[in-house]
Amino acid sequence: MESESGAGRGEDVRLWLRGLEVFAGPLADFDPGQAPEDPVGLFLCWLREAVAAGVPDAHAMTLSTVGEDGGPDARVLLLKNVDDAGWQFAAHAGSPKGRQLAGRPRAALTFYWPLQGRQVRVRGTVQAASSEQSAADLLARSLSARAQALLGRQSDHLADTEERRRALRDALARVESDRALVSPAWTLYTLAPVHVEFWQADRGRLHERLRYERPDAASRWQRHLLWP
């Protein structure tokens, strides 16, 4: 009986998911033939359009790394900057993602803006910034975020929520008494891309896909259309 009930729930969920509307739009236009030679300009154009359209947290992105066990790992972070050097984000070096990047300094970023039916995928190598640059990034954050960085226990098992509150309260007091205090493990990272793909949805499923490719940072970008 329990097995039959479980199967029924599974089927209900499958039908429910299939019935959800996708690409509700209004979808944005994209002409790959008019795309610039460099992906940074196109990315910033799409990001600004997403912000202007009211996409919540338009600068949020999924960071995908390789875990210590060789399996994939992913989480959502905020984009810190993008320029000719690459896409920047920050993390605690002692966190799972920090340790993963130290062992395998390659990653992928995924941006998704559903109001326009757009996503951008970025793949490449990751390099840590200098301690001075990383400290400047942390100092630009809120006091509570800086206090959290001092704890250095991200993703550790938590046995007592009161211990967490007490630790954060103590760290916040340290930051308030020393406004220049930063965690030395806080790290600003730059992903130097070798692939940047722009994906524009089409209700008829003839999605437009344009991928910029280059083997290394010294090479020129090549542009390729991709099948949907």
Protein backbone atom coordinates (compact mmCIF):
# COMPACT_ATOMS: atom_id res chain seq x y z
CA MET A 1 0.00 0.00 0.00
CA GLU A 2 2.80 2.39 0.89
CA SER A 3 4.56 1.63 -2.42
CA GLU A 4 1.38 2.32 -4.39
CA SER A 5 0.83 5.58 -2.51
CA GLY A 6 4.40 6.65 -3.21
CA ALA A 7 4.06 5.87 -6.90
CA GLY A 8 0.86 7.90 -7.07
CA ARG A 9 2.52 10.91 -5.52
CA GLY A 10 5.39 10.56 -7.98
CA GLU A 11 3.02 10.53 -10.93
CA ASP A 12 1.12 13.54 -9.55
CA VAL A 13 4.34 15.51 -9.24
CA ARG A 14 5.40 14.54 -12.75
CA LEU A 15 2.10 15.74 -14.23
CA TRP A 16 2.17 18.89 -12.12
CA LEU A 17 5.68 19.78 -13.27
CA ARG A 18 4.80 19.10 -16.90
CA GLY A 19 1.84 21.45 -16.61
CA LEU A 20 3.86 24.41 -15.35
CA GLU A 21 4.25 27.24 -17.84
CA VAL A 22 7.72 27.92 -19.20
CA PHE A 23 9.03 30.86 -21.21
CA ALA A 24 6.10 32.97 -20.05
CA GLY A 25 7.83 36.05 -21.39
CA PRO A 26 7.73 38.49 -22.89
CA LEU A 27 10.95 36.94 -24.15
CA ALA A 28 13.84 39.15 -25.19
CA ASP A 29 15.21 39.39 -28.71
CA PHE A 30 18.68 38.23 -29.60
CA ASP A 31 20.45 38.40 -32.95
CA PRO A 32 23.75 36.49 -32.67
CA GLY A 33 24.94 38.15 -35.88
CA GLN A 34 25.02 41.48 -34.05
CA ALA A 35 26.94 40.17 -31.04
CA PRO A 36 30.24 41.90 -30.20
CA GLU A 37 33.59 40.18 -30.61
CA ASP A 38 34.13 39.99 -26.86
CA PRO A 39 31.63 38.30 -24.48
CA VAL A 40 32.02 40.78 -21.63
CA GLY A 41 30.12 43.55 -23.39
CA LEU A 42 27.24 41.25 -24.30
CA PHE A 43 27.09 39.86 -20.77
CA LEU A 44 26.91 43.32 -19.22
CA CYS A 45 24.20 44.31 -21.70
CA TRP A 46 22.10 41.28 -20.76
CA LEU A 47 22.72 41.85 -17.04
CA ARG A 48 21.62 45.49 -17.25
CA GLU A 49 18.50 44.48 -19.17
CA ALA A 50 17.68 41.88 -16.52
CA VAL A 51 18.06 44.48 -13.75
CA ALA A 52 15.94 47.00 -15.66
CA ALA A 53 13.23 44.35 -16.15
CA GLY A 54 13.07 43.76 -12.40
CA VAL A 55 14.68 40.32 -12.23
CA PRO A 56 15.33 39.70 -8.51
CA ASP A 57 19.00 39.23 -7.62
CA ALA A 58 20.01 39.45 -11.27
CA HIS A 59 23.67 39.29 -10.28
CA ALA A 60 23.20 35.94 -8.52
CA MET A 61 24.92 32.99 -10.16
CA THR A 62 25.45 29.29 -9.61
CA LEU A 63 29.10 28.45 -8.96
CA SER A 64 29.91 24.84 -9.87
CA THR A 65 33.13 23.23 -8.67
CA VAL A 66 34.63 19.74 -8.37
CA GLY A 67 34.45 18.24 -4.89
CA GLU A 68 37.22 16.41 -3.09
CA ASP A 69 35.48 13.16 -4.02
CA GLY A 70 35.56 14.06 -7.71
CA GLY A 71 31.83 14.76 -7.83
CA PRO A 72 30.18 18.03 -8.83
CA ASP A 73 29.20 20.63 -6.25
CA ALA A 74 27.17 23.80 -6.75
CA ARG A 75 25.81 26.77 -4.83
CA VAL A 76 24.52 30.29 -5.54
CA LEU A 77 26.79 33.31 -5.01
CA LEU A 78 26.75 36.96 -6.02
CA LEU A 79 28.87 38.32 -8.84
CA LYS A 80 31.39 40.88 -7.57
CA ASN A 81 32.74 42.25 -10.84
CA VAL A 82 33.36 41.38 -14.47
CA ASP A 83 36.01 42.87 -16.73
CA ASP A 84 38.54 41.79 -19.34
CA ALA A 85 40.26 39.58 -16.74
CA GLY A 86 37.11 37.60 -16.02
CA TRP A 87 34.20 37.10 -13.63
CA GLN A 88 34.86 37.74 -9.92
CA PHE A 89 33.35 36.25 -6.79
CA ALA A 90 34.50 35.88 -3.19
CA ALA A 91 34.53 33.09 -0.62
CA HIS A 92 36.24 31.90 2.54
CA ALA A 93 39.30 29.84 1.61
CA GLY A 94 38.45 27.33 4.32
CA SER A 95 34.92 26.75 3.06
CA PRO A 96 34.13 23.69 0.90
CA LYS A 97 34.22 25.78 -2.28
CA GLY A 98 37.48 27.40 -1.21
CA ARG A 99 39.11 24.04 -0.58
CA GLN A 100 37.73 22.67 -3.84
CA LEU A 101 39.13 25.59 -5.83
CA ALA A 102 42.51 25.18 -4.14
CA GLY A 103 42.63 21.54 -5.23
CA ARG A 104 41.06 21.96 -8.68
CA PRO A 105 41.16 25.62 -9.77
CA ARG A 106 38.50 25.28 -12.46
CA ALA A 107 34.84 26.21 -12.23
CA ALA A 108 31.66 27.07 -14.08
CA LEU A 109 29.19 29.91 -13.54
CA THR A 110 25.54 29.90 -14.58
CA PHE A 111 23.26 32.93 -14.73
CA TYR A 112 19.52 32.55 -15.39
CA TRP A 113 17.12 35.41 -16.08
CA PRO A 114 13.67 33.84 -16.60
CA LEU A 115 11.83 37.06 -17.42
CA GLN A 116 13.87 37.32 -20.62
CA GLY A 117 14.29 33.58 -21.14
CA ARG A 118 18.05 33.95 -20.98
CA GLN A 119 20.95 32.14 -19.42
CA VAL A 120 24.70 32.60 -19.59
CA ARG A 121 27.22 29.83 -18.90
CA VAL A 122 30.86 30.62 -18.15
CA ARG A 123 33.66 28.03 -17.81
CA GLY A 124 37.34 28.52 -17.11
CA THR A 125 40.23 28.56 -14.67
CA VAL A 126 40.10 30.29 -11.31
CA GLN A 127 42.83 32.36 -9.68
CA ALA A 128 42.89 33.90 -6.21
CA ALA A 129 43.53 37.62 -5.90
CA SER A 130 46.15 39.17 -3.63
CA SER A 131 45.51 39.45 0.09
CA GLU A 132 45.17 43.23 -0.31
CA GLN A 133 42.49 42.89 -2.98
CA SER A 134 40.65 40.26 -0.98
CA ALA A 135 40.75 42.43 2.15
CA ALA A 136 39.36 45.39 0.20
CA ASP A 137 36.47 43.24 -1.00
CA LEU A 138 35.63 42.14 2.53
CA LEU A 139 35.90 45.67 3.94
CA ALA A 140 33.28 46.78 1.42
CA ARG A 141 30.77 44.31 2.88
CA SER A 142 28.43 44.85 5.82
CA LEU A 143 29.64 44.46 9.40
CA SER A 144 27.55 41.32 9.87
CA ALA A 145 29.01 39.74 6.71
CA ARG A 146 32.53 40.55 7.90
CA ALA A 147 31.77 39.07 11.31
CA GLN A 148 30.46 35.90 9.66
CA ALA A 149 33.71 35.61 7.68
CA LEU A 150 35.69 35.68 10.93
CA LEU A 151 33.94 32.54 12.18
CA GLY A 152 35.52 30.37 9.49
CA ARG A 153 33.19 27.43 10.14
CA GLN A 154 31.06 27.47 7.01
CA SER A 155 29.29 24.14 6.36
CA ASP A 156 30.56 22.57 9.60
CA HIS A 157 27.97 20.56 11.54
CA LEU A 158 26.02 22.77 13.96
CA ALA A 159 24.97 21.15 17.23
CA ASP A 160 23.73 24.22 19.11
CA THR A 161 22.10 27.31 17.59
CA GLU A 162 22.87 29.26 20.75
CA GLU A 163 26.56 28.63 20.15
CA ARG A 164 26.13 30.10 16.67
CA ARG A 165 24.43 33.22 17.99
CA ARG A 166 27.09 33.65 20.66
CA ALA A 167 29.96 33.21 18.19
CA LEU A 168 28.46 35.70 15.74
CA ARG A 169 27.78 38.20 18.52
CA ASP A 170 31.41 37.98 19.67
CA ALA A 171 32.73 38.31 16.12
CA LEU A 172 30.51 41.32 15.48
CA ALA A 173 31.86 42.98 18.63
CA ARG A 174 35.40 42.44 17.33
CA VAL A 175 34.57 44.01 13.98
CA GLU A 176 32.81 46.98 15.57
CA SER A 177 35.83 47.64 17.80
CA ASP A 178 38.29 47.32 14.90
CA ARG A 179 36.77 48.51 11.62
CA ALA A 180 39.89 47.40 9.70
CA LEU A 181 39.68 43.81 10.95
CA VAL A 182 39.33 41.22 8.20
CA SER A 183 39.57 37.45 7.98
CA PRO A 184 42.87 36.53 6.29
CA ALA A 185 41.10 33.55 4.70
CA TRP A 186 38.59 35.70 2.83
CA THR A 187 39.51 35.40 -0.84
CA LEU A 188 38.52 37.20 -4.00
CA TYR A 189 38.58 34.89 -7.00
CA THR A 190 38.63 35.58 -10.74
CA LEU A 191 37.35 33.04 -13.24
CA ALA A 192 39.19 33.55 -16.53
CA PRO A 193 36.81 32.09 -19.12
CA VAL A 194 37.60 29.76 -21.99
CA HIS A 195 33.90 29.29 -22.89
CA VAL A 196 31.06 31.81 -22.52
CA GLU A 197 27.69 30.71 -23.87
CA PHE A 198 24.64 32.95 -24.35
CA TRP A 199 21.29 31.15 -24.53
CA GLN A 200 18.08 32.86 -25.62
CA ALA A 201 14.85 30.91 -25.26
CA ASP A 202 12.28 30.53 -28.03
CA ARG A 203 8.74 29.28 -27.41
CA GLY A 204 9.01 27.08 -30.45
CA ARG A 205 12.18 25.56 -28.97
CA LEU A 206 14.41 27.03 -31.68
CA HIS A 207 16.59 28.50 -28.97
CA GLU A 208 19.43 30.79 -30.03
CA ARG A 209 22.79 29.69 -28.65
CA LEU A 210 26.04 31.56 -29.18
CA ARG A 211 29.28 30.35 -27.61
CA TYR A 212 32.52 32.31 -27.37
CA GLU A 213 35.56 30.04 -27.23
CA ARG A 214 39.29 30.52 -26.73
CA PRO A 215 41.99 28.12 -25.50
CA ASP A 216 43.63 30.67 -23.18
CA ALA A 217 43.54 34.33 -22.14
CA ALA A 218 46.10 35.33 -24.77
CA SER A 219 44.00 34.02 -27.67
CA ARG A 220 41.29 35.82 -29.62
CA TRP A 221 37.68 34.88 -29.05
CA GLN A 222 35.96 32.73 -31.66
CA ARG A 223 32.17 32.71 -31.96
CA HIS A 224 30.11 29.63 -32.80
CA LEU A 225 26.39 29.08 -33.12
CA LEU A 226 25.14 25.92 -31.41
CA TRP A 227 22.21 23.65 -32.09
CA PRO A 228 19.35 24.08 -29.59
